[in-house]
Amino acid sequence: MTTTVPTLDDSQKAEIRDIVCDILELELDEVSETSRFKEEHDADSLRTIEILASLERTFGISLKQSELSRMVNLVGVYAVVAEAKAQ
């Protein structure tokens, strides 16, 4: 039995990127899919929680705060959101 990895479409990824850039007060071209929010963009834990809350509102999902440890860059955020949407 194969398990499918949940994925997001390009518009959902763009929406997530917009949310992250808005909260971190960055331009879209300043954030790559792998740039680390804390280390490269000086994001503190409060902003990370803000991102989590905004994603919950936007996508109508529920995310556990324990997922914050995976949400270190856009790739991590995409994975967390895709998994939550698949449930």
N, C-alpha and C. Protein backbone atom coordinates (compact mmCIF):
# COMPACT_ATOMS: atom_id res chain seq x y z
N MET A 1 0.84 -1.19 0.00
CA MET A 1 0.00 0.00 0.00
C MET A 1 0.88 1.25 0.00
N THR A 2 0.62 2.14 -0.91
CA THR A 2 1.40 3.36 -1.00
C THR A 2 0.67 4.50 -0.31
N THR A 3 1.43 5.31 0.39
CA THR A 3 0.82 6.49 1.00
C THR A 3 1.19 7.70 0.15
N THR A 4 0.21 8.53 -0.07
CA THR A 4 0.47 9.73 -0.86
C THR A 4 0.87 10.86 0.06
N VAL A 5 1.89 11.57 -0.37
CA VAL A 5 2.33 12.73 0.38
C VAL A 5 1.42 13.89 0.00
N PRO A 6 0.78 14.51 0.99
CA PRO A 6 -0.11 15.63 0.66
C PRO A 6 0.68 16.80 0.06
N THR A 7 0.12 17.43 -0.95
CA THR A 7 0.80 18.56 -1.58
C THR A 7 -0.14 19.75 -1.69
N LEU A 8 0.45 20.88 -1.95
CA LEU A 8 -0.31 22.12 -2.15
C LEU A 8 -0.13 22.57 -3.59
N ASP A 9 -1.12 23.28 -4.12
CA ASP A 9 -0.94 23.81 -5.47
C ASP A 9 -0.19 25.15 -5.39
N ASP A 10 0.20 25.65 -6.56
CA ASP A 10 1.02 26.87 -6.60
C ASP A 10 0.33 28.07 -5.96
N SER A 11 -1.00 28.17 -6.12
CA SER A 11 -1.69 29.33 -5.54
C SER A 11 -1.68 29.26 -4.01
N GLN A 12 -1.80 28.03 -3.47
CA GLN A 12 -1.74 27.88 -2.01
C GLN A 12 -0.34 28.21 -1.49
N LYS A 13 0.68 27.77 -2.21
CA LYS A 13 2.06 28.08 -1.82
C LYS A 13 2.31 29.59 -1.88
N ALA A 14 1.77 30.24 -2.91
CA ALA A 14 1.93 31.69 -3.04
C ALA A 14 1.24 32.40 -1.88
N GLU A 15 0.06 31.91 -1.49
CA GLU A 15 -0.68 32.51 -0.38
C GLU A 15 0.12 32.36 0.93
N ILE A 16 0.72 31.20 1.13
CA ILE A 16 1.53 30.97 2.33
C ILE A 16 2.74 31.90 2.33
N ARG A 17 3.38 32.02 1.18
CA ARG A 17 4.55 32.90 1.05
C ARG A 17 4.15 34.34 1.37
N ASP A 18 2.99 34.77 0.87
CA ASP A 18 2.50 36.13 1.14
C ASP A 18 2.30 36.35 2.64
N ILE A 19 1.69 35.37 3.30
CA ILE A 19 1.45 35.46 4.75
C ILE A 19 2.77 35.59 5.50
N VAL A 20 3.72 34.72 5.17
CA VAL A 20 5.02 34.72 5.85
C VAL A 20 5.73 36.06 5.64
N CYS A 21 5.76 36.52 4.39
CA CYS A 21 6.45 37.78 4.10
C CYS A 21 5.78 38.96 4.79
N ASP A 22 4.45 38.95 4.83
CA ASP A 22 3.71 40.03 5.48
C ASP A 22 4.05 40.08 6.98
N ILE A 23 4.01 38.94 7.63
CA ILE A 23 4.26 38.90 9.08
C ILE A 23 5.72 39.19 9.41
N LEU A 24 6.63 38.70 8.57
CA LEU A 24 8.06 38.94 8.83
C LEU A 24 8.53 40.28 8.26
N GLU A 25 7.60 41.00 7.61
CA GLU A 25 7.89 42.30 7.01
C GLU A 25 9.05 42.21 6.02
N LEU A 26 8.92 41.28 5.09
CA LEU A 26 9.93 41.05 4.06
C LEU A 26 9.30 41.16 2.68
N GLU A 27 10.14 41.46 1.69
CA GLU A 27 9.69 41.44 0.31
C GLU A 27 9.67 39.99 -0.16
N LEU A 28 8.82 39.67 -1.13
CA LEU A 28 8.70 38.30 -1.62
C LEU A 28 10.05 37.74 -2.09
N ASP A 29 10.85 38.58 -2.74
CA ASP A 29 12.13 38.08 -3.27
C ASP A 29 13.21 37.91 -2.20
N GLU A 30 12.93 38.31 -0.96
CA GLU A 30 13.88 38.13 0.13
C GLU A 30 13.79 36.75 0.76
N VAL A 31 12.70 36.02 0.47
CA VAL A 31 12.47 34.73 1.10
C VAL A 31 12.50 33.63 0.05
N SER A 32 13.43 32.69 0.21
CA SER A 32 13.44 31.52 -0.68
C SER A 32 12.71 30.39 0.03
N GLU A 33 12.47 29.29 -0.67
CA GLU A 33 11.76 28.18 -0.04
C GLU A 33 12.56 27.57 1.11
N THR A 34 13.89 27.76 1.07
CA THR A 34 14.72 27.11 2.09
C THR A 34 15.39 28.10 3.06
N SER A 35 15.18 29.41 2.86
CA SER A 35 15.79 30.36 3.80
C SER A 35 15.12 30.21 5.17
N ARG A 36 15.94 30.21 6.20
CA ARG A 36 15.44 29.93 7.56
C ARG A 36 14.94 31.22 8.20
N PHE A 37 13.69 31.17 8.68
CA PHE A 37 13.03 32.37 9.23
C PHE A 37 13.83 32.98 10.37
N LYS A 38 14.23 32.17 11.32
CA LYS A 38 14.89 32.69 12.52
C LYS A 38 16.32 33.15 12.20
N GLU A 39 17.09 32.26 11.59
CA GLU A 39 18.50 32.53 11.36
C GLU A 39 18.76 33.60 10.29
N GLU A 40 17.96 33.58 9.22
CA GLU A 40 18.23 34.48 8.11
C GLU A 40 17.33 35.71 8.08
N HIS A 41 16.19 35.64 8.77
CA HIS A 41 15.24 36.76 8.70
C HIS A 41 14.86 37.32 10.08
N ASP A 42 15.60 36.91 11.10
CA ASP A 42 15.41 37.42 12.47
C ASP A 42 13.98 37.27 13.00
N ALA A 43 13.30 36.20 12.63
CA ALA A 43 11.94 35.97 13.14
C ALA A 43 12.03 35.48 14.58
N ASP A 44 11.23 36.09 15.45
CA ASP A 44 11.19 35.61 16.83
C ASP A 44 10.01 34.66 16.98
N SER A 45 9.90 34.04 18.14
CA SER A 45 8.85 33.03 18.34
C SER A 45 7.45 33.63 18.23
N LEU A 46 7.29 34.88 18.63
CA LEU A 46 5.98 35.52 18.52
C LEU A 46 5.52 35.61 17.07
N ARG A 47 6.44 35.97 16.19
CA ARG A 47 6.08 36.07 14.76
C ARG A 47 5.76 34.69 14.18
N THR A 48 6.48 33.68 14.66
CA THR A 48 6.21 32.32 14.18
C THR A 48 4.80 31.89 14.59
N ILE A 49 4.41 32.23 15.81
CA ILE A 49 3.06 31.92 16.29
C ILE A 49 2.02 32.70 15.48
N GLU A 50 2.36 33.94 15.14
CA GLU A 50 1.48 34.75 14.29
C GLU A 50 1.26 34.08 12.93
N ILE A 51 2.35 33.54 12.37
CA ILE A 51 2.26 32.85 11.08
C ILE A 51 1.32 31.65 11.23
N LEU A 52 1.52 30.87 12.28
CA LEU A 52 0.69 29.69 12.54
C LEU A 52 -0.79 30.09 12.63
N ALA A 53 -1.10 31.13 13.40
CA ALA A 53 -2.49 31.57 13.58
C ALA A 53 -3.08 32.05 12.26
N SER A 54 -2.30 32.78 11.49
CA SER A 54 -2.78 33.29 10.21
C SER A 54 -3.05 32.14 9.22
N LEU A 55 -2.19 31.13 9.23
CA LEU A 55 -2.40 29.96 8.36
C LEU A 55 -3.68 29.23 8.76
N GLU A 56 -3.92 29.11 10.06
CA GLU A 56 -5.15 28.45 10.53
C GLU A 56 -6.38 29.19 10.03
N ARG A 57 -6.38 30.52 10.16
CA ARG A 57 -7.52 31.33 9.71
C ARG A 57 -7.70 31.23 8.19
N THR A 58 -6.62 31.38 7.48
CA THR A 58 -6.68 31.42 6.02
C THR A 58 -7.14 30.10 5.41
N PHE A 59 -6.61 29.00 5.94
CA PHE A 59 -6.89 27.70 5.34
C PHE A 59 -7.94 26.88 6.09
N GLY A 60 -8.46 27.44 7.20
CA GLY A 60 -9.49 26.73 7.95
C GLY A 60 -8.99 25.41 8.53
N ILE A 61 -7.76 25.42 9.01
CA ILE A 61 -7.15 24.20 9.57
C ILE A 61 -6.76 24.45 11.01
N SER A 62 -6.42 23.40 11.70
CA SER A 62 -5.95 23.50 13.08
C SER A 62 -4.53 22.96 13.14
N LEU A 63 -3.61 23.78 13.65
CA LEU A 63 -2.21 23.38 13.74
C LEU A 63 -1.77 23.34 15.21
N LYS A 64 -1.04 22.32 15.56
CA LYS A 64 -0.53 22.22 16.93
C LYS A 64 0.73 23.08 17.06
N GLN A 65 0.91 23.68 18.24
CA GLN A 65 2.11 24.49 18.44
C GLN A 65 3.38 23.65 18.33
N SER A 66 3.26 22.34 18.53
CA SER A 66 4.42 21.47 18.38
C SER A 66 4.94 21.46 16.94
N GLU A 67 4.08 21.85 15.99
CA GLU A 67 4.49 21.90 14.59
C GLU A 67 5.44 23.07 14.31
N LEU A 68 5.51 24.04 15.23
CA LEU A 68 6.37 25.19 15.02
C LEU A 68 7.82 24.78 14.79
N SER A 69 8.25 23.69 15.42
CA SER A 69 9.63 23.24 15.27
C SER A 69 9.93 22.81 13.83
N ARG A 70 8.90 22.46 13.07
CA ARG A 70 9.08 22.09 11.65
C ARG A 70 8.95 23.29 10.72
N MET A 71 8.36 24.36 11.23
CA MET A 71 8.08 25.52 10.39
C MET A 71 9.24 26.52 10.40
N VAL A 72 10.41 26.04 9.97
CA VAL A 72 11.61 26.88 10.00
C VAL A 72 11.85 27.60 8.68
N ASN A 73 11.20 27.12 7.62
CA ASN A 73 11.31 27.75 6.30
C ASN A 73 10.03 27.44 5.52
N LEU A 74 9.93 27.95 4.31
CA LEU A 74 8.70 27.75 3.54
C LEU A 74 8.43 26.27 3.26
N VAL A 75 9.48 25.50 2.98
CA VAL A 75 9.29 24.08 2.71
C VAL A 75 8.62 23.40 3.91
N GLY A 76 9.08 23.72 5.11
CA GLY A 76 8.49 23.16 6.33
C GLY A 76 7.05 23.59 6.52
N VAL A 77 6.77 24.85 6.24
CA VAL A 77 5.41 25.37 6.38
C VAL A 77 4.49 24.69 5.37
N TYR A 78 4.95 24.54 4.12
CA TYR A 78 4.14 23.86 3.11
C TYR A 78 3.76 22.46 3.59
N ALA A 79 4.73 21.72 4.14
CA ALA A 79 4.49 20.35 4.59
C ALA A 79 3.47 20.30 5.71
N VAL A 80 3.62 21.19 6.70
CA VAL A 80 2.71 21.21 7.84
C VAL A 80 1.28 21.54 7.40
N VAL A 81 1.14 22.55 6.53
CA VAL A 81 -0.18 22.95 6.05
C VAL A 81 -0.79 21.84 5.20
N ALA A 82 -0.01 21.23 4.31
CA ALA A 82 -0.53 20.16 3.44
C ALA A 82 -1.03 18.99 4.29
N GLU A 83 -0.26 18.62 5.30
CA GLU A 83 -0.67 17.51 6.16
C GLU A 83 -1.95 17.84 6.92
N ALA A 84 -2.05 19.07 7.43
CA ALA A 84 -3.25 19.48 8.17
C ALA A 84 -4.47 19.50 7.25
N LYS A 85 -4.30 19.93 6.01
CA LYS A 85 -5.41 19.98 5.06
C LYS A 85 -5.86 18.58 4.68
N ALA A 86 -4.94 17.62 4.69
CA ALA A 86 -5.26 16.25 4.28
C ALA A 86 -6.04 15.48 5.35
N GLN A 87 -6.06 15.98 6.57
CA GLN A 87 -6.74 15.28 7.67
C GLN A 87 -8.23 15.48 7.64
